[in-house]
C-alpha atoms as a PDB file:
ATOM      1  CA  MET A   1      95.269 287.127  -5.085  1.00  0.00           C
ATOM      2  CA  ALA A   2      92.377 284.786  -4.275  1.00  0.00           C
ATOM      3  CA  GLU A   3      90.575 283.088  -7.107  1.00  0.00           C
ATOM      4  CA  GLU A   4      86.947 284.003  -7.554  1.00  0.00           C
ATOM      5  CA  GLN A   5      84.649 281.022  -7.499  1.00  0.00           C
ATOM      6  CA  THR A   6      82.194 280.703 -10.347  1.00  0.00           C
ATOM      7  CA  PRO A   7      78.547 280.449  -9.331  1.00  0.00           C
ATOM      8  CA  LYS A   8      77.299 276.885  -9.113  1.00  0.00           C
ATOM      9  CA  VAL A   9      74.022 276.066 -10.847  1.00  0.00           C
ATOM     10  CA  PRO A  10      72.087 273.212  -9.239  1.00  0.00           C
ATOM     11  CA  GLY A  11      71.236 270.265 -11.451  1.00  0.00           C
ATOM     12  CA  TRP A  12      67.506 270.737 -11.076  1.00  0.00           C
ATOM     13  CA  GLU A  13      67.729 274.292 -12.450  1.00  0.00           C
ATOM     14  CA  LEU A  14      69.583 273.037 -15.499  1.00  0.00           C
ATOM     15  CA  LEU A  15      66.997 270.288 -15.906  1.00  0.00           C
ATOM     16  CA  ILE A  16      64.087 272.747 -15.858  1.00  0.00           C
ATOM     17  CA  GLY A  17      65.843 275.074 -18.295  1.00  0.00           C
ATOM     18  CA  GLY A  18      66.674 272.194 -20.638  1.00  0.00           C
ATOM     19  CA  VAL A  19      63.100 270.928 -20.610  1.00  0.00           C
ATOM     20  CA  LEU A  20      61.759 274.432 -21.329  1.00  0.00           C
ATOM     21  CA  PHE A  21      64.180 275.006 -24.213  1.00  0.00           C
ATOM     22  CA  THR A  22      63.437 271.576 -25.687  1.00  0.00           C
ATOM     23  CA  ALA A  23      59.692 272.132 -25.347  1.00  0.00           C
ATOM     24  CA  GLY A  24      60.162 275.505 -27.046  1.00  0.00           C
ATOM     25  CA  ALA A  25      61.923 273.822 -29.963  1.00  0.00           C
ATOM     26  CA  VAL A  26      59.071 271.330 -30.337  1.00  0.00           C
ATOM     27  CA  PHE A  27      56.540 274.171 -30.165  1.00  0.00           C
ATOM     28  CA  ILE A  28      58.386 276.129 -32.869  1.00  0.00           C
ATOM     29  CA  TRP A  29      58.470 273.050 -35.113  1.00  0.00           C
ATOM     30  CA  PHE A  30      54.718 272.484 -34.895  1.00  0.00           C
ATOM     31  CA  TYR A  31      53.951 276.220 -35.090  1.00  0.00           C
ATOM     32  CA  LEU A  32      55.957 276.617 -38.295  1.00  0.00           C
ATOM     33  CA  SER A  33      54.492 273.400 -39.709  1.00  0.00           C
ATOM     34  CA  ASN A  34      51.015 274.792 -39.124  1.00  0.00           C
ATOM     35  CA  LEU A  35      51.951 278.114 -40.755  1.00  0.00           C
ATOM     36  CA  GLU A  36      53.318 276.298 -43.812  1.00  0.00           C
ATOM     37  CA  LYS A  37      49.975 274.548 -44.293  1.00  0.00           C
ATOM     38  CA  THR A  38      47.866 277.712 -44.157  1.00  0.00           C
ATOM     39  CA  PRO A  39      47.984 280.106 -47.113  1.00  0.00           C
ATOM     40  CA  GLY A  40      48.422 283.846 -46.915  1.00  0.00           C
ATOM     41  CA  PRO A  41      50.742 286.219 -45.120  1.00  0.00           C
ATOM     42  CA  HIS A  42      51.595 285.551 -41.495  1.00  0.00           C
ATOM     43  CA  ARG A  43      52.995 287.733 -38.734  1.00  0.00           C
ATOM     44  CA  ILE A  44      55.853 286.232 -36.738  1.00  0.00           C
ATOM     45  CA  HIS A  45      58.739 287.621 -34.731  1.00  0.00           C
ATOM     46  CA  TRP A  46      61.454 289.175 -36.918  1.00  0.00           C
ATOM     47  CA  LEU A  47      64.182 286.900 -35.540  1.00  0.00           C
ATOM     48  CA  LEU A  48      62.153 283.770 -36.239  1.00  0.00           C
ATOM     49  CA  ALA A  49      61.361 285.091 -39.739  1.00  0.00           C
ATOM     50  CA  TRP A  50      65.039 285.808 -40.409  1.00  0.00           C
ATOM     51  CA  LEU A  51      66.080 282.337 -39.227  1.00  0.00           C
ATOM     52  CA  TYR A  52      63.312 280.725 -41.278  1.00  0.00           C
ATOM     53  CA  ASN A  53      64.277 282.655 -44.417  1.00  0.00           C
ATOM     54  CA  THR A  54      67.949 281.822 -43.861  1.00  0.00           C
ATOM     55  CA  GLY A  55      67.806 278.135 -43.040  1.00  0.00           C
ATOM     56  CA  GLY A  56      64.216 277.014 -42.908  1.00  0.00           C
ATOM     57  CA  LYS A  57      62.359 275.300 -40.124  1.00  0.00           C
ATOM     58  CA  GLY A  58      65.378 273.200 -39.179  1.00  0.00           C
ATOM     59  CA  LEU A  59      67.536 276.223 -38.330  1.00  0.00           C
ATOM     60  CA  CYS A  60      64.789 277.751 -36.193  1.00  0.00           C
ATOM     61  CA  VAL A  61      64.451 274.559 -34.189  1.00  0.00           C
ATOM     62  CA  THR A  62      68.216 274.030 -33.956  1.00  0.00           C
ATOM     63  CA  VAL A  63      68.861 277.483 -32.487  1.00  0.00           C
ATOM     64  CA  VAL A  64      66.537 276.674 -29.585  1.00  0.00           C
ATOM     65  CA  GLY A  65      66.969 272.895 -29.433  1.00  0.00           C
ATOM     66  CA  ILE A  66      70.763 272.620 -29.137  1.00  0.00           C
ATOM     67  CA  PRO A  67      71.030 274.777 -25.999  1.00  0.00           C
ATOM     68  CA  GLY A  68      68.137 272.782 -24.530  1.00  0.00           C
ATOM     69  CA  ALA A  69      69.838 269.476 -25.283  1.00  0.00           C
ATOM     70  CA  LEU A  70      73.129 270.723 -23.822  1.00  0.00           C
ATOM     71  CA  MET A  71      71.373 271.887 -20.666  1.00  0.00           C
ATOM     72  CA  LEU A  72      69.644 268.511 -20.311  1.00  0.00           C
ATOM     73  CA  PHE A  73      72.960 266.717 -20.784  1.00  0.00           C
ATOM     74  CA  ALA A  74      74.653 268.950 -18.199  1.00  0.00           C
ATOM     75  CA  ALA A  75      71.808 268.403 -15.724  1.00  0.00           C
ATOM     76  CA  VAL A  76      71.928 264.632 -16.051  1.00  0.00           C
ATOM     77  CA  TRP A  77      75.727 264.693 -15.825  1.00  0.00           C
ATOM     78  CA  LYS A  78      75.637 266.843 -12.710  1.00  0.00           C
ATOM     79  CA  MET A  79      72.954 264.735 -11.036  1.00  0.00           C
ATOM     80  CA  LEU A  80      74.649 261.419 -11.788  1.00  0.00           C
ATOM     81  CA  ARG A  81      78.103 262.657 -10.817  1.00  0.00           C
ATOM     82  CA  GLY A  82      76.821 264.256  -7.648  1.00  0.00           C
ATOM     83  CA  SER A  83      78.484 267.029  -5.767  1.00  0.00           C
ATOM     84  CA  PRO A  84      81.408 266.211  -3.512  1.00  0.00           C
ATOM     85  CA  LYS A  85      80.802 266.505   0.215  1.00  0.00           C
ATOM     86  CA  ARG A  86      82.654 269.297   1.921  1.00  0.00           C
ATOM     87  CA  GLU A  87      85.008 268.079   4.605  1.00  0.00           C
ATOM     88  CA  ARG A  88      84.238 269.219   8.122  1.00  0.00           C
ATOM     89  CA  THR A  89      86.864 271.275   9.862  1.00  0.00           C
ATOM     90  CA  SER A  90      87.449 272.091  13.490  1.00  0.00           C
ATOM     91  CA  LYS A  91      86.013 275.568  12.821  1.00  0.00           C
ATOM     92  CA  ASP A  92      82.726 273.981  11.707  1.00  0.00           C
ATOM     93  CA  GLU A  93      82.582 271.992  14.923  1.00  0.00           C
ATOM     94  CA  ASP A  94      83.273 275.129  16.974  1.00  0.00           C
ATOM     95  CA  ASP A  95      80.494 276.996  15.177  1.00  0.00           C
ATOM     96  CA  GLU A  96      78.087 274.151  15.773  1.00  0.00           C
ATOM     97  CA  TYR A  97      78.505 274.231  19.574  1.00  0.00           C
ATOM     98  CA  GLU A  98      78.622 278.006  19.917  1.00  0.00           C
ATOM     99  CA  GLU A  99      75.968 279.460  22.212  1.00  0.00           C
END
């Protein structure tokens, strides 16, 4: 039975995703900091409210920031390591000269 290959994610896609997740974590930090300074009740998403009530601002930022940091690390790793070149075979050469 042939092994199924896992889909390969290009490094630039990981980089964009990591930057977006990290920017989201920074946004959440400043958003919650601003809400803490203003008095009165506030309306926020239930998941963010649950995380904030459970672990505070740090947990909210961590839930979004850690995946972002891991994606950035994976993107840099993938880009620095580079992808191996596929070896050319005689079939590739035949396909190239086919009319």
